Amino acid sequence: MLALTEPAAEAISALTQSEDEQQGSGLRLALTGESDDLQLTLAVSTEPEAGDQVMGTEDGARVFMESRAAEFLDDKVLDVQQDDQGQLNFAVYAQDQQG
């Protein structure tokens, strides 16, 4: 199952618990494209879509994963890092290769 680092969980909570978002919102992960050109997309969603796997943390971060994304992310870690301009960027690592 996808693991979340503490900074990623905090960033997801901050994104989904802003004044504009409804309670119960989460970060939705989905795969788009075909097998030779897959891309992982992330978007704030007010609720999971049919067939999504839902996971949550004790501090309220919720993640919705469409079925292909859940399978792809099964042995991964979702992290967040700050770049030189202060922007937060999500990153995915293999669980044994956390960066």
Protein backbone atom coordinates (compact mmCIF):
# COMPACT_ATOMS: atom_id res chain seq x y z
CA MET A 1 0.00 0.00 0.00
CA LEU A 2 1.13 3.55 -0.69
CA ALA A 3 2.97 5.12 2.24
CA LEU A 4 2.91 8.83 3.01
CA THR A 5 5.77 10.72 4.59
CA GLU A 6 4.84 13.12 7.37
CA PRO A 7 5.60 16.19 5.19
CA ALA A 8 3.38 14.77 2.41
CA ALA A 9 0.52 14.14 4.84
CA GLU A 10 0.85 17.70 6.18
CA ALA A 11 0.87 19.15 2.65
CA ILE A 12 -2.20 17.11 1.67
CA SER A 13 -4.03 18.26 4.80
CA ALA A 14 -3.15 21.88 4.06
CA LEU A 15 -4.29 21.57 0.43
CA THR A 16 -7.57 19.85 1.20
CA GLN A 17 -8.57 21.71 4.35
CA SER A 18 -8.38 25.21 2.93
CA GLU A 19 -11.42 27.44 3.27
CA ASP A 20 -12.53 26.69 -0.30
CA GLU A 21 -12.61 22.91 0.06
CA GLN A 22 -15.39 20.83 1.57
CA GLN A 23 -14.77 18.66 4.60
CA GLY A 24 -13.76 15.18 3.44
CA SER A 25 -11.78 16.43 0.47
CA GLY A 26 -8.66 14.57 -0.52
CA LEU A 27 -5.81 14.37 -2.98
CA ARG A 28 -6.84 12.16 -5.93
CA LEU A 29 -4.14 10.21 -7.74
CA ALA A 30 -4.83 8.78 -11.17
CA LEU A 31 -2.85 7.33 -14.06
CA THR A 32 -3.44 8.75 -17.50
CA GLY A 33 -2.12 7.63 -20.85
CA GLU A 34 -1.16 4.24 -22.20
CA SER A 35 1.42 1.75 -20.92
CA ASP A 36 4.37 3.33 -22.75
CA ASP A 37 3.37 6.89 -21.75
CA LEU A 38 1.80 6.71 -18.29
CA GLN A 39 1.56 9.86 -16.22
CA LEU A 40 0.50 10.18 -12.61
CA THR A 41 -1.88 13.07 -12.07
CA LEU A 42 -2.68 14.66 -8.71
CA ALA A 43 -5.72 16.83 -8.06
CA VAL A 44 -7.71 17.99 -5.06
CA SER A 45 -11.09 16.27 -5.10
CA THR A 46 -14.12 16.83 -2.89
CA GLU A 47 -14.86 13.10 -2.78
CA PRO A 48 -13.57 9.81 -4.19
CA GLU A 49 -14.87 8.60 -7.52
CA ALA A 50 -16.52 5.20 -7.94
CA GLY A 51 -13.90 2.47 -7.63
CA ASP A 52 -11.30 4.66 -5.92
CA GLN A 53 -9.31 3.26 -3.02
CA VAL A 54 -9.38 5.64 -0.06
CA MET A 55 -6.70 5.98 2.57
CA GLY A 56 -6.38 8.44 5.39
CA THR A 57 -3.99 9.43 8.13
CA GLU A 58 -4.58 10.22 11.78
CA ASP A 59 -4.12 13.93 11.12
CA GLY A 60 -6.86 14.00 8.49
CA ALA A 61 -4.98 13.73 5.19
CA ARG A 62 -7.09 11.76 2.71
CA VAL A 63 -5.87 10.20 -0.53
CA PHE A 64 -8.12 8.80 -3.26
CA MET A 65 -6.49 6.46 -5.79
CA GLU A 66 -8.10 5.24 -8.97
CA SER A 67 -7.58 1.50 -9.43
CA ARG A 68 -4.64 1.68 -11.89
CA ALA A 69 -2.89 4.29 -9.73
CA ALA A 70 -3.44 2.19 -6.58
CA GLU A 71 -1.82 -0.81 -8.28
CA PHE A 72 1.10 1.30 -9.56
CA LEU A 73 1.63 2.97 -6.16
CA ASP A 74 1.27 -0.18 -4.07
CA ASP A 75 4.99 -0.34 -3.17
CA LYS A 76 5.71 3.40 -3.31
CA VAL A 77 6.12 6.33 -0.92
CA LEU A 78 4.57 9.74 -1.57
CA ASP A 79 6.78 12.56 -0.34
CA VAL A 80 6.85 16.32 -0.75
CA GLN A 81 9.91 18.50 -1.23
CA GLN A 82 10.44 22.24 -1.43
CA ASP A 83 12.31 23.62 -4.43
CA ASP A 84 14.61 26.67 -4.56
CA GLN A 85 11.62 29.00 -5.12
CA GLY A 86 9.74 27.63 -2.11
CA GLN A 87 7.24 25.63 -4.17
CA LEU A 88 6.17 22.26 -2.82
CA ASN A 89 6.48 19.33 -5.23
CA PHE A 90 5.18 15.84 -4.66
CA ALA A 91 7.55 12.98 -5.45
CA VAL A 92 7.05 9.21 -5.61
CA TYR A 93 9.77 6.77 -4.57
CA ALA A 94 10.06 3.01 -4.24
CA GLN A 95 9.60 2.17 -0.55
CA ASP A 96 13.16 0.88 -0.28
CA GLN A 97 14.66 3.92 -2.06
CA GLN A 98 13.23 6.88 -0.15
CA GLY A 99 14.97 10.01 -1.22
